[in-house]
Amino acid sequence: MTPTVLKIIFIAIGIVLAYKLIFSGKKGLSIFEMHFKDGRLASHKGKIPEKFQKECRAIAKAEKLTCSVRCEKVGTVRLHVSANVSDDITQRIRNLFPFEYYDKKQVDNSRQAG
């Protein structure tokens, strides 16, 4: 009876490990999300740069977009646009995004060599 129990435990551990490896994709810190529906900003979350939000709303209104734009930080800042948006509009949105605003390095002045 003991070998059967050990086999069941090892199989259960294997299934748990496989599940963790497959479904535990590391997500980064979400900076903001914007959801557009028929060219209007339906909902938003987080701190969105004002100029970027205004220009994205103009593009969405002109193109009657239904999509989401999401920014997350995983080491570096990444901008995600829904797959149902054409590549040229996605590129226009990426060109508007102020990446340099988020890529500023924090200088630690507490320990300066003297």
PDB file of N, CA and C in Angstrom:
ATOM      1  N   MET A   1       0.814  -1.192   0.000  1.00  0.00           N
ATOM      2  CA  MET A   1       0.000   0.000   0.000  1.00  0.00           C
ATOM      3  C   MET A   1       0.859   1.258   0.000  1.00  0.00           C
ATOM      4  N   THR A   2       1.986   1.258   0.649  1.00  0.00           N
ATOM      5  CA  THR A   2       2.867   2.414   0.718  1.00  0.00           C
ATOM      6  C   THR A   2       3.405   2.819  -0.657  1.00  0.00           C
ATOM      7  N   PRO A   3       3.832   1.864  -1.525  1.00  0.00           N
ATOM      8  CA  PRO A   3       4.306   2.288  -2.855  1.00  0.00           C
ATOM      9  C   PRO A   3       3.209   2.972  -3.677  1.00  0.00           C
ATOM     10  N   THR A   4       1.975   2.545  -3.541  1.00  0.00           N
ATOM     11  CA  THR A   4       0.869   3.158  -4.282  1.00  0.00           C
ATOM     12  C   THR A   4       0.644   4.596  -3.796  1.00  0.00           C
ATOM     13  N   VAL A   5       0.698   4.807  -2.520  1.00  0.00           N
ATOM     14  CA  VAL A   5       0.508   6.154  -1.954  1.00  0.00           C
ATOM     15  C   VAL A   5       1.639   7.070  -2.407  1.00  0.00           C
ATOM     16  N   LEU A   6       2.868   6.562  -2.393  1.00  0.00           N
ATOM     17  CA  LEU A   6       4.004   7.370  -2.844  1.00  0.00           C
ATOM     18  C   LEU A   6       3.869   7.744  -4.321  1.00  0.00           C
ATOM     19  N   LYS A   7       3.408   6.812  -5.149  1.00  0.00           N
ATOM     20  CA  LYS A   7       3.211   7.104  -6.570  1.00  0.00           C
ATOM     21  C   LYS A   7       2.158   8.197  -6.751  1.00  0.00           C
ATOM     22  N   ILE A   8       1.095   8.119  -5.990  1.00  0.00           N
ATOM     23  CA  ILE A   8       0.024   9.128  -6.092  1.00  0.00           C
ATOM     24  C   ILE A   8       0.549  10.491  -5.648  1.00  0.00           C
ATOM     25  N   ILE A   9       1.350  10.525  -4.583  1.00  0.00           N
ATOM     26  CA  ILE A   9       1.917  11.792  -4.110  1.00  0.00           C
ATOM     27  C   ILE A   9       2.856  12.392  -5.159  1.00  0.00           C
ATOM     28  N   PHE A  10       3.717  11.572  -5.758  1.00  0.00           N
ATOM     29  CA  PHE A  10       4.636  12.077  -6.780  1.00  0.00           C
ATOM     30  C   PHE A  10       3.886  12.573  -8.014  1.00  0.00           C
ATOM     31  N   ILE A  11       2.846  11.897  -8.412  1.00  0.00           N
ATOM     32  CA  ILE A  11       2.039  12.336  -9.553  1.00  0.00           C
ATOM     33  C   ILE A  11       1.346  13.656  -9.227  1.00  0.00           C
ATOM     34  N   ALA A  12       0.825  13.778  -8.015  1.00  0.00           N
ATOM     35  CA  ALA A  12       0.160  15.019  -7.610  1.00  0.00           C
ATOM     36  C   ALA A  12       1.151  16.184  -7.595  1.00  0.00           C
ATOM     37  N   ILE A  13       2.345  15.940  -7.083  1.00  0.00           N
ATOM     38  CA  ILE A  13       3.379  16.982  -7.063  1.00  0.00           C
ATOM     39  C   ILE A  13       3.753  17.372  -8.488  1.00  0.00           C
ATOM     40  N   GLY A  14       3.882  16.408  -9.376  1.00  0.00           N
ATOM     41  CA  GLY A  14       4.186  16.692 -10.779  1.00  0.00           C
ATOM     42  C   GLY A  14       3.108  17.530 -11.448  1.00  0.00           C
ATOM     43  N   ILE A  15       1.853  17.223 -11.172  1.00  0.00           N
ATOM     44  CA  ILE A  15       0.743  17.988 -11.758  1.00  0.00           C
ATOM     45  C   ILE A  15       0.752  19.420 -11.222  1.00  0.00           C
ATOM     46  N   VAL A  16       0.993  19.582  -9.925  1.00  0.00           N
ATOM     47  CA  VAL A  16       1.034  20.921  -9.336  1.00  0.00           C
ATOM     48  C   VAL A  16       2.184  21.732  -9.928  1.00  0.00           C
ATOM     49  N   LEU A  17       3.354  21.132 -10.072  1.00  0.00           N
ATOM     50  CA  LEU A  17       4.492  21.832 -10.663  1.00  0.00           C
ATOM     51  C   LEU A  17       4.219  22.227 -12.110  1.00  0.00           C
ATOM     52  N   ALA A  18       3.642  21.323 -12.884  1.00  0.00           N
ATOM     53  CA  ALA A  18       3.317  21.638 -14.276  1.00  0.00           C
ATOM     54  C   ALA A  18       2.307  22.779 -14.348  1.00  0.00           C
ATOM     55  N   TYR A  19       1.315  22.767 -13.490  1.00  0.00           N
ATOM     56  CA  TYR A  19       0.312  23.835 -13.456  1.00  0.00           C
ATOM     57  C   TYR A  19       0.961  25.178 -13.126  1.00  0.00           C
ATOM     58  N   LYS A  20       1.838  25.194 -12.127  1.00  0.00           N
ATOM     59  CA  LYS A  20       2.525  26.429 -11.741  1.00  0.00           C
ATOM     60  C   LYS A  20       3.394  26.957 -12.878  1.00  0.00           C
ATOM     61  N   LEU A  21       4.110  26.080 -13.548  1.00  0.00           N
ATOM     62  CA  LEU A  21       4.978  26.511 -14.640  1.00  0.00           C
ATOM     63  C   LEU A  21       4.184  27.062 -15.828  1.00  0.00           C
ATOM     64  N   ILE A  22       3.048  26.480 -16.108  1.00  0.00           N
ATOM     65  CA  ILE A  22       2.255  26.900 -17.260  1.00  0.00           C
ATOM     66  C   ILE A  22       1.464  28.164 -16.972  1.00  0.00           C
ATOM     67  N   PHE A  23       0.809  28.230 -15.826  1.00  0.00           N
ATOM     68  CA  PHE A  23      -0.150  29.301 -15.577  1.00  0.00           C
ATOM     69  C   PHE A  23       0.327  30.400 -14.648  1.00  0.00           C
ATOM     70  N   SER A  24       1.554  30.370 -14.225  1.00  0.00           N
ATOM     71  CA  SER A  24       2.013  31.426 -13.328  1.00  0.00           C
ATOM     72  C   SER A  24       2.889  32.422 -14.070  1.00  0.00           C
ATOM     73  N   GLY A  25       2.410  32.919 -15.207  1.00  0.00           N
ATOM     74  CA  GLY A  25       3.154  33.911 -15.954  1.00  0.00           C
ATOM     75  C   GLY A  25       3.358  35.157 -15.118  1.00  0.00           C
ATOM     76  N   LYS A  26       4.571  35.631 -15.055  1.00  0.00           N
ATOM     77  CA  LYS A  26       4.873  36.772 -14.209  1.00  0.00           C
ATOM     78  C   LYS A  26       4.336  38.039 -14.853  1.00  0.00           C
ATOM     79  N   LYS A  27       3.493  38.728 -14.129  1.00  0.00           N
ATOM     80  CA  LYS A  27       2.969  39.998 -14.605  1.00  0.00           C
ATOM     81  C   LYS A  27       3.667  41.102 -13.842  1.00  0.00           C
ATOM     82  N   GLY A  28       3.805  42.205 -14.534  1.00  0.00           N
ATOM     83  CA  GLY A  28       4.476  43.323 -13.909  1.00  0.00           C
ATOM     84  C   GLY A  28       3.504  44.247 -13.202  1.00  0.00           C
ATOM     85  N   LEU A  29       4.038  45.329 -12.741  1.00  0.00           N
ATOM     86  CA  LEU A  29       3.266  46.356 -12.072  1.00  0.00           C
ATOM     87  C   LEU A  29       2.469  47.120 -13.114  1.00  0.00           C
ATOM     88  N   SER A  30       1.165  47.118 -12.992  1.00  0.00           N
ATOM     89  CA  SER A  30       0.314  47.822 -13.939  1.00  0.00           C
ATOM     90  C   SER A  30       0.335  49.308 -13.603  1.00  0.00           C
ATOM     91  N   ILE A  31       0.750  50.137 -14.562  1.00  0.00           N
ATOM     92  CA  ILE A  31       0.819  51.577 -14.351  1.00  0.00           C
ATOM     93  C   ILE A  31      -0.533  52.209 -14.658  1.00  0.00           C
ATOM     94  N   PHE A  32      -1.100  51.868 -15.826  1.00  0.00           N
ATOM     95  CA  PHE A  32      -2.432  52.366 -16.139  1.00  0.00           C
ATOM     96  C   PHE A  32      -3.097  51.495 -17.196  1.00  0.00           C
ATOM     97  N   GLU A  33      -4.414  51.642 -17.307  1.00  0.00           N
ATOM     98  CA  GLU A  33      -5.219  50.978 -18.332  1.00  0.00           C
ATOM     99  C   GLU A  33      -6.265  51.956 -18.830  1.00  0.00           C
ATOM    100  N   MET A  34      -6.510  51.935 -20.136  1.00  0.00           N
ATOM    101  CA  MET A  34      -7.587  52.725 -20.726  1.00  0.00           C
ATOM    102  C   MET A  34      -8.403  51.791 -21.610  1.00  0.00           C
ATOM    103  N   HIS A  35      -9.717  51.841 -21.480  1.00  0.00           N
ATOM    104  CA  HIS A  35     -10.598  51.017 -22.294  1.00  0.00           C
ATOM    105  C   HIS A  35     -11.484  51.938 -23.126  1.00  0.00           C
ATOM    106  N   PHE A  36     -11.410  51.763 -24.451  1.00  0.00           N
ATOM    107  CA  PHE A  36     -12.214  52.554 -25.368  1.00  0.00           C
ATOM    108  C   PHE A  36     -13.330  51.701 -25.942  1.00  0.00           C
ATOM    109  N   LYS A  37     -14.497  52.296 -26.123  1.00  0.00           N
ATOM    110  CA  LYS A  37     -15.613  51.607 -26.758  1.00  0.00           C
ATOM    111  C   LYS A  37     -16.254  52.565 -27.748  1.00  0.00           C
ATOM    112  N   ASP A  38     -16.249  52.182 -29.016  1.00  0.00           N
ATOM    113  CA  ASP A  38     -16.803  52.989 -30.106  1.00  0.00           C
ATOM    114  C   ASP A  38     -16.241  54.407 -30.100  1.00  0.00           C
ATOM    115  N   GLY A  39     -14.956  54.541 -29.869  1.00  0.00           N
ATOM    116  CA  GLY A  39     -14.294  55.827 -29.940  1.00  0.00           C
ATOM    117  C   GLY A  39     -14.356  56.661 -28.684  1.00  0.00           C
ATOM    118  N   ARG A  40     -14.979  56.183 -27.632  1.00  0.00           N
ATOM    119  CA  ARG A  40     -15.087  56.932 -26.380  1.00  0.00           C
ATOM    120  C   ARG A  40     -14.354  56.193 -25.271  1.00  0.00           C
ATOM    121  N   LEU A  41     -13.779  56.951 -24.357  1.00  0.00           N
ATOM    122  CA  LEU A  41     -13.084  56.361 -23.220  1.00  0.00           C
ATOM    123  C   LEU A  41     -14.121  55.819 -22.252  1.00  0.00           C
ATOM    124  N   ALA A  42     -14.245  54.497 -22.182  1.00  0.00           N
ATOM    125  CA  ALA A  42     -15.263  53.865 -21.342  1.00  0.00           C
ATOM    126  C   ALA A  42     -14.811  53.797 -19.887  1.00  0.00           C
ATOM    127  N   SER A  43     -13.563  53.437 -19.657  1.00  0.00           N
ATOM    128  CA  SER A  43     -13.044  53.375 -18.293  1.00  0.00           C
ATOM    129  C   SER A  43     -11.531  53.519 -18.318  1.00  0.00           C
ATOM    130  N   HIS A  44     -10.993  53.926 -17.189  1.00  0.00           N
ATOM    131  CA  HIS A  44      -9.542  54.033 -17.062  1.00  0.00           C
ATOM    132  C   HIS A  44      -9.153  53.764 -15.624  1.00  0.00           C
ATOM    133  N   LYS A  45      -7.892  53.370 -15.453  1.00  0.00           N
ATOM    134  CA  LYS A  45      -7.376  53.026 -14.139  1.00  0.00           C
ATOM    135  C   LYS A  45      -5.913  53.434 -14.094  1.00  0.00           C
ATOM    136  N   GLY A  46      -5.482  54.023 -13.014  1.00  0.00           N
ATOM    137  CA  GLY A  46      -4.083  54.386 -12.854  1.00  0.00           C
ATOM    138  C   GLY A  46      -3.816  55.833 -13.221  1.00  0.00           C
ATOM    139  N   LYS A  47      -2.544  56.216 -13.168  1.00  0.00           N
ATOM    140  CA  LYS A  47      -2.124  57.582 -13.465  1.00  0.00           C
ATOM    141  C   LYS A  47      -1.648  57.646 -14.910  1.00  0.00           C
ATOM    142  N   ILE A  48      -2.445  58.309 -15.743  1.00  0.00           N
ATOM    143  CA  ILE A  48      -2.164  58.409 -17.176  1.00  0.00           C
ATOM    144  C   ILE A  48      -1.608  59.801 -17.449  1.00  0.00           C
ATOM    145  N   PRO A  49      -0.499  59.893 -18.194  1.00  0.00           N
ATOM    146  CA  PRO A  49      -0.010  61.222 -18.565  1.00  0.00           C
ATOM    147  C   PRO A  49      -1.096  61.978 -19.339  1.00  0.00           C
ATOM    148  N   GLU A  50      -1.336  63.219 -18.940  1.00  0.00           N
ATOM    149  CA  GLU A  50      -2.469  63.977 -19.457  1.00  0.00           C
ATOM    150  C   GLU A  50      -2.411  64.165 -20.974  1.00  0.00           C
ATOM    151  N   LYS A  51      -1.249  64.521 -21.490  1.00  0.00           N
ATOM    152  CA  LYS A  51      -1.114  64.747 -22.932  1.00  0.00           C
ATOM    153  C   LYS A  51      -1.353  63.452 -23.716  1.00  0.00           C
ATOM    154  N   PHE A  52      -0.805  62.346 -23.199  1.00  0.00           N
ATOM    155  CA  PHE A  52      -0.985  61.055 -23.864  1.00  0.00           C
ATOM    156  C   PHE A  52      -2.459  60.654 -23.878  1.00  0.00           C
ATOM    157  N   GLN A  53      -3.156  60.857 -22.766  1.00  0.00           N
ATOM    158  CA  GLN A  53      -4.575  60.510 -22.697  1.00  0.00           C
ATOM    159  C   GLN A  53      -5.383  61.335 -23.686  1.00  0.00           C
ATOM    160  N   LYS A  54      -5.102  62.619 -23.764  1.00  0.00           N
ATOM    161  CA  LYS A  54      -5.835  63.507 -24.661  1.00  0.00           C
ATOM    162  C   LYS A  54      -5.641  63.099 -26.123  1.00  0.00           C
ATOM    163  N   GLU A  55      -4.391  62.782 -26.490  1.00  0.00           N
ATOM    164  CA  GLU A  55      -4.107  62.420 -27.878  1.00  0.00           C
ATOM    165  C   GLU A  55      -4.646  61.029 -28.226  1.00  0.00           C
ATOM    166  N   CYS A  56      -4.629  60.100 -27.254  1.00  0.00           N
ATOM    167  CA  CYS A  56      -5.224  58.774 -27.492  1.00  0.00           C
ATOM    168  C   CYS A  56      -6.728  58.886 -27.683  1.00  0.00           C
ATOM    169  N   ARG A  57      -7.362  59.749 -26.902  1.00  0.00           N
ATOM    170  CA  ARG A  57      -8.804  59.948 -27.065  1.00  0.00           C
ATOM    171  C   ARG A  57      -9.117  60.506 -28.445  1.00  0.00           C
ATOM    172  N   ALA A  58      -8.280  61.404 -28.947  1.00  0.00           N
ATOM    173  CA  ALA A  58      -8.494  61.973 -30.277  1.00  0.00           C
ATOM    174  C   ALA A  58      -8.367  60.903 -31.358  1.00  0.00           C
ATOM    175  N   ILE A  59      -7.361  60.042 -31.231  1.00  0.00           N
ATOM    176  CA  ILE A  59      -7.178  58.958 -32.207  1.00  0.00           C
ATOM    177  C   ILE A  59      -8.357  57.995 -32.136  1.00  0.00           C
ATOM    178  N   ALA A  60      -8.759  57.613 -30.924  1.00  0.00           N
ATOM    179  CA  ALA A  60      -9.866  56.666 -30.758  1.00  0.00           C
ATOM    180  C   ALA A  60     -11.158  57.241 -31.325  1.00  0.00           C
ATOM    181  N   LYS A  61     -11.378  58.525 -31.127  1.00  0.00           N
ATOM    182  CA  LYS A  61     -12.591  59.154 -31.633  1.00  0.00           C
ATOM    183  C   LYS A  61     -12.585  59.204 -33.153  1.00  0.00           C
ATOM    184  N   ALA A  62     -11.439  59.544 -33.732  1.00  0.00           N
ATOM    185  CA  ALA A  62     -11.343  59.636 -35.183  1.00  0.00           C
ATOM    186  C   ALA A  62     -11.491  58.274 -35.855  1.00  0.00           C
ATOM    187  N   GLU A  63     -10.977  57.226 -35.215  1.00  0.00           N
ATOM    188  CA  GLU A  63     -10.979  55.889 -35.813  1.00  0.00           C
ATOM    189  C   GLU A  63     -12.111  55.001 -35.292  1.00  0.00           C
ATOM    190  N   LYS A  64     -12.920  55.495 -34.345  1.00  0.00           N
ATOM    191  CA  LYS A  64     -14.011  54.719 -33.724  1.00  0.00           C
ATOM    192  C   LYS A  64     -13.493  53.399 -33.157  1.00  0.00           C
ATOM    193  N   LEU A  65     -12.451  53.491 -32.336  1.00  0.00           N
ATOM    194  CA  LEU A  65     -11.790  52.291 -31.807  1.00  0.00           C
ATOM    195  C   LEU A  65     -12.559  51.678 -30.643  1.00  0.00           C
ATOM    196  N   THR A  66     -12.531  50.356 -30.584  1.00  0.00           N
ATOM    197  CA  THR A  66     -12.946  49.598 -29.416  1.00  0.00           C
ATOM    198  C   THR A  66     -11.743  48.744 -29.035  1.00  0.00           C
ATOM    199  N   CYS A  67     -11.043  49.173 -27.999  1.00  0.00           N
ATOM    200  CA  CYS A  67      -9.791  48.500 -27.643  1.00  0.00           C
ATOM    201  C   CYS A  67      -9.402  48.855 -26.220  1.00  0.00           C
ATOM    202  N   SER A  68      -8.266  48.309 -25.795  1.00  0.00           N
ATOM    203  CA  SER A  68      -7.695  48.692 -24.514  1.00  0.00           C
ATOM    204  C   SER A  68      -6.220  48.998 -24.713  1.00  0.00           C
ATOM    205  N   VAL A  69      -5.749  49.975 -23.963  1.00  0.00           N
ATOM    206  CA  VAL A  69      -4.342  50.363 -23.964  1.00  0.00           C
ATOM    207  C   VAL A  69      -3.868  50.199 -22.529  1.00  0.00           C
ATOM    208  N   ARG A  70      -2.797  49.429 -22.358  1.00  0.00           N
ATOM    209  CA  ARG A  70      -2.318  49.100 -21.015  1.00  0.00           C
ATOM    210  C   ARG A  70      -0.824  49.326 -20.948  1.00  0.00           C
ATOM    211  N   CYS A  71      -0.378  49.874 -19.835  1.00  0.00           N
ATOM    212  CA  CYS A  71       1.042  50.106 -19.610  1.00  0.00           C
ATOM    213  C   CYS A  71       1.448  49.350 -18.354  1.00  0.00           C
ATOM    214  N   GLU A  72       2.521  48.585 -18.447  1.00  0.00           N
ATOM    215  CA  GLU A  72       3.005  47.864 -17.272  1.00  0.00           C
ATOM    216  C   GLU A  72       4.515  47.953 -17.196  1.00  0.00           C
ATOM    217  N   LYS A  73       5.006  47.781 -15.997  1.00  0.00           N
ATOM    218  CA  LYS A  73       6.442  47.863 -15.762  1.00  0.00           C
ATOM    219  C   LYS A  73       6.957  46.516 -15.314  1.00  0.00           C
ATOM    220  N   VAL A  74       7.760  45.898 -16.146  1.00  0.00           N
ATOM    221  CA  VAL A  74       8.449  44.643 -15.829  1.00  0.00           C
ATOM    222  C   VAL A  74       9.915  44.909 -16.140  1.00  0.00           C
ATOM    223  N   GLY A  75      10.615  45.515 -15.207  1.00  0.00           N
ATOM    224  CA  GLY A  75      11.981  45.947 -15.476  1.00  0.00           C
ATOM    225  C   GLY A  75      11.952  47.240 -16.275  1.00  0.00           C
ATOM    226  N   THR A  76      11.450  47.167 -17.494  1.00  0.00           N
ATOM    227  CA  THR A  76      11.256  48.354 -18.320  1.00  0.00           C
ATOM    228  C   THR A  76       9.764  48.582 -18.505  1.00  0.00           C
ATOM    229  N   VAL A  77       9.404  49.724 -19.003  1.00  0.00           N
ATOM    230  CA  VAL A  77       8.002  50.063 -19.219  1.00  0.00           C
ATOM    231  C   VAL A  77       7.573  49.524 -20.581  1.00  0.00           C
ATOM    232  N   ARG A  78       6.426  48.833 -20.602  1.00  0.00           N
ATOM    233  CA  ARG A  78       5.895  48.255 -21.844  1.00  0.00           C
ATOM    234  C   ARG A  78       4.483  48.764 -22.067  1.00  0.00           C
ATOM    235  N   LEU A  79       4.169  49.057 -23.310  1.00  0.00           N
ATOM    236  CA  LEU A  79       2.846  49.535 -23.681  1.00  0.00           C
ATOM    237  C   LEU A  79       2.180  48.454 -24.511  1.00  0.00           C
ATOM    238  N   HIS A  80       0.969  48.036 -24.105  1.00  0.00           N
ATOM    239  CA  HIS A  80       0.225  47.001 -24.805  1.00  0.00           C
ATOM    240  C   HIS A  80      -1.054  47.608 -25.373  1.00  0.00           C
ATOM    241  N   VAL A  81      -1.308  47.340 -26.646  1.00  0.00           N
ATOM    242  CA  VAL A  81      -2.535  47.782 -27.299  1.00  0.00           C
ATOM    243  C   VAL A  81      -3.245  46.527 -27.780  1.00  0.00           C
ATOM    244  N   SER A  82      -4.575  46.512 -27.709  1.00  0.00           N
ATOM    245  CA  SER A  82      -5.356  45.339 -28.099  1.00  0.00           C
ATOM    246  C   SER A  82      -4.990  44.875 -29.506  1.00  0.00           C
ATOM    247  N   ALA A  83      -5.144  43.582 -29.729  1.00  0.00           N
ATOM    248  CA  ALA A  83      -4.780  42.984 -31.008  1.00  0.00           C
ATOM    249  C   ALA A  83      -5.750  43.358 -32.123  1.00  0.00           C
ATOM    250  N   ASN A  84      -6.947  43.826 -31.785  1.00  0.00           N
ATOM    251  CA  ASN A  84      -7.917  44.154 -32.825  1.00  0.00           C
ATOM    252  C   ASN A  84      -7.674  45.526 -33.444  1.00  0.00           C
ATOM    253  N   VAL A  85      -6.633  46.216 -33.028  1.00  0.00           N
ATOM    254  CA  VAL A  85      -6.269  47.518 -33.584  1.00  0.00           C
ATOM    255  C   VAL A  85      -5.221  47.299 -34.668  1.00  0.00           C
ATOM    256  N   SER A  86      -5.360  48.011 -35.786  1.00  0.00           N
ATOM    257  CA  SER A  86      -4.416  47.823 -36.888  1.00  0.00           C
ATOM    258  C   SER A  86      -3.016  48.281 -36.486  1.00  0.00           C
ATOM    259  N   ASP A  87      -2.025  47.770 -37.192  1.00  0.00           N
ATOM    260  CA  ASP A  87      -0.633  48.043 -36.857  1.00  0.00           C
ATOM    261  C   ASP A  87      -0.274  49.519 -36.990  1.00  0.00           C
ATOM    262  N   ASP A  88      -0.835  50.205 -37.982  1.00  0.00           N
ATOM    263  CA  ASP A  88      -0.481  51.613 -38.150  1.00  0.00           C
ATOM    264  C   ASP A  88      -1.041  52.477 -37.018  1.00  0.00           C
ATOM    265  N   ILE A  89      -2.236  52.157 -36.527  1.00  0.00           N
ATOM    266  CA  ILE A  89      -2.797  52.907 -35.398  1.00  0.00           C
ATOM    267  C   ILE A  89      -2.046  52.571 -34.118  1.00  0.00           C
ATOM    268  N   THR A  90      -1.674  51.313 -33.952  1.00  0.00           N
ATOM    269  CA  THR A  90      -0.873  50.914 -32.797  1.00  0.00           C
ATOM    270  C   THR A  90       0.448  51.680 -32.781  1.00  0.00           C
ATOM    271  N   GLN A  91       1.061  51.823 -33.941  1.00  0.00           N
ATOM    272  CA  GLN A  91       2.328  52.548 -34.022  1.00  0.00           C
ATOM    273  C   GLN A  91       2.132  54.027 -33.710  1.00  0.00           C
ATOM    274  N   ARG A  92       1.023  54.611 -34.147  1.00  0.00           N
ATOM    275  CA  ARG A  92       0.731  56.008 -33.829  1.00  0.00           C
ATOM    276  C   ARG A  92       0.591  56.204 -32.320  1.00  0.00           C
ATOM    277  N   ILE A  93      -0.062  55.258 -31.657  1.00  0.00           N
ATOM    278  CA  ILE A  93      -0.228  55.341 -30.204  1.00  0.00           C
ATOM    279  C   ILE A  93       1.122  55.192 -29.506  1.00  0.00           C
ATOM    280  N   ARG A  94       1.945  54.253 -29.974  1.00  0.00           N
ATOM    281  CA  ARG A  94       3.274  54.056 -29.381  1.00  0.00           C
ATOM    282  C   ARG A  94       4.150  55.292 -29.559  1.00  0.00           C
ATOM    283  N   ASN A  95       4.020  55.951 -30.699  1.00  0.00           N
ATOM    284  CA  ASN A  95       4.815  57.155 -30.942  1.00  0.00           C
ATOM    285  C   ASN A  95       4.430  58.290 -29.995  1.00  0.00           C
ATOM    286  N   LEU A  96       3.185  58.295 -29.540  1.00  0.00           N
ATOM    287  CA  LEU A  96       2.729  59.334 -28.624  1.00  0.00           C
ATOM    288  C   LEU A  96       3.168  59.085 -27.189  1.00  0.00           C
ATOM    289  N   PHE A  97       3.418  57.830 -26.845  1.00  0.00           N
ATOM    290  CA  PHE A  97       3.679  57.472 -25.451  1.00  0.00           C
ATOM    291  C   PHE A  97       5.012  58.028 -24.969  1.00  0.00           C
ATOM    292  N   PRO A  98       5.028  58.694 -23.804  1.00  0.00           N
ATOM    293  CA  PRO A  98       6.276  59.283 -23.285  1.00  0.00           C
ATOM    294  C   PRO A  98       7.118  58.266 -22.508  1.00  0.00           C
ATOM    295  N   PHE A  99       7.819  57.383 -23.224  1.00  0.00           N
ATOM    296  CA  PHE A  99       8.651  56.373 -22.567  1.00  0.00           C
ATOM    297  C   PHE A  99       9.721  57.018 -21.683  1.00  0.00           C
ATOM    298  N   GLU A 100      10.272  58.144 -22.121  1.00  0.00           N
ATOM    299  CA  GLU A 100      11.350  58.785 -21.362  1.00  0.00           C
ATOM    300  C   GLU A 100      10.864  59.279 -19.997  1.00  0.00           C
ATOM    301  N   TYR A 101       9.571  59.531 -19.851  1.00  0.00           N
ATOM    302  CA  TYR A 101       9.006  59.954 -18.579  1.00  0.00           C
ATOM    303  C   TYR A 101       9.151  58.846 -17.526  1.00  0.00           C
ATOM    304  N   TYR A 102       9.023  57.597 -17.942  1.00  0.00           N
ATOM    305  CA  TYR A 102       9.087  56.464 -17.025  1.00  0.00           C
ATOM    306  C   TYR A 102      10.481  55.874 -16.900  1.00  0.00           C
ATOM    307  N   ASP A 103      11.371  56.180 -17.828  1.00  0.00           N
ATOM    308  CA  ASP A 103      12.705  55.588 -17.813  1.00  0.00           C
ATOM    309  C   ASP A 103      13.725  56.424 -17.047  1.00  0.00           C
ATOM    310  N   LYS A 104      13.262  57.438 -16.320  1.00  0.00           N
ATOM    311  CA  LYS A 104      14.187  58.263 -15.542  1.00  0.00           C
ATOM    312  C   LYS A 104      14.836  57.420 -14.464  1.00  0.00           C
ATOM    313  N   LYS A 105      16.128  57.573 -14.321  1.00  0.00           N
ATOM    314  CA  LYS A 105      16.873  56.877 -13.270  1.00  0.00           C
ATOM    315  C   LYS A 105      16.821  57.709 -11.998  1.00  0.00           C
ATOM    316  N   GLN A 106      16.601  57.063 -10.873  1.00  0.00           N
ATOM    317  CA  GLN A 106      16.606  57.754  -9.599  1.00  0.00           C
ATOM    318  C   GLN A 106      18.060  57.837  -9.122  1.00  0.00           C
ATOM    319  N   VAL A 107      18.521  59.040  -8.840  1.00  0.00           N
ATOM    320  CA  VAL A 107      19.878  59.236  -8.378  1.00  0.00           C
ATOM    321  C   VAL A 107      19.874  59.212  -6.849  1.00  0.00           C
ATOM    322  N   ASP A 108      20.744  58.381  -6.291  1.00  0.00           N
ATOM    323  CA  ASP A 108      20.841  58.257  -4.838  1.00  0.00           C
ATOM    324  C   ASP A 108      21.943  59.201  -4.364  1.00  0.00           C
ATOM    325  N   ASN A 109      21.541  60.321  -3.767  1.00  0.00           N
ATOM    326  CA  ASN A 109      22.499  61.302  -3.297  1.00  0.00           C
ATOM    327  C   ASN A 109      22.902  61.082  -1.843  1.00  0.00           C
ATOM    328  N   SER A 110      22.402  60.034  -1.229  1.00  0.00           N
ATOM    329  CA  SER A 110      22.690  59.821   0.181  1.00  0.00           C
ATOM    330  C   SER A 110      24.127  59.364   0.447  1.00  0.00           C
ATOM    331  N   ARG A 111      24.720  58.697  -0.543  1.00  0.00           N
ATOM    332  CA  ARG A 111      26.096  58.207  -0.358  1.00  0.00           C
ATOM    333  C   ARG A 111      26.969  58.695  -1.507  1.00  0.00           C
ATOM    334  N   GLN A 112      27.369  59.923  -1.440  1.00  0.00           N
ATOM    335  CA  GLN A 112      28.277  60.438  -2.457  1.00  0.00           C
ATOM    336  C   GLN A 112      29.716  60.297  -1.972  1.00  0.00           C
ATOM    337  N   ALA A 113      30.572  59.887  -2.916  1.00  0.00           N
ATOM    338  CA  ALA A 113      31.983  59.748  -2.560  1.00  0.00           C
ATOM    339  C   ALA A 113      32.556  61.123  -2.299  1.00  0.00           C
ATOM    340  N   GLY A 114      33.302  61.287  -1.254  1.00  0.00           N
ATOM    341  CA  GLY A 114      33.760  62.604  -0.880  1.00  0.00           C
ATOM    342  C   GLY A 114      35.200  62.688  -0.839  1.00  0.00           C
TER     343      GLY A 114
END
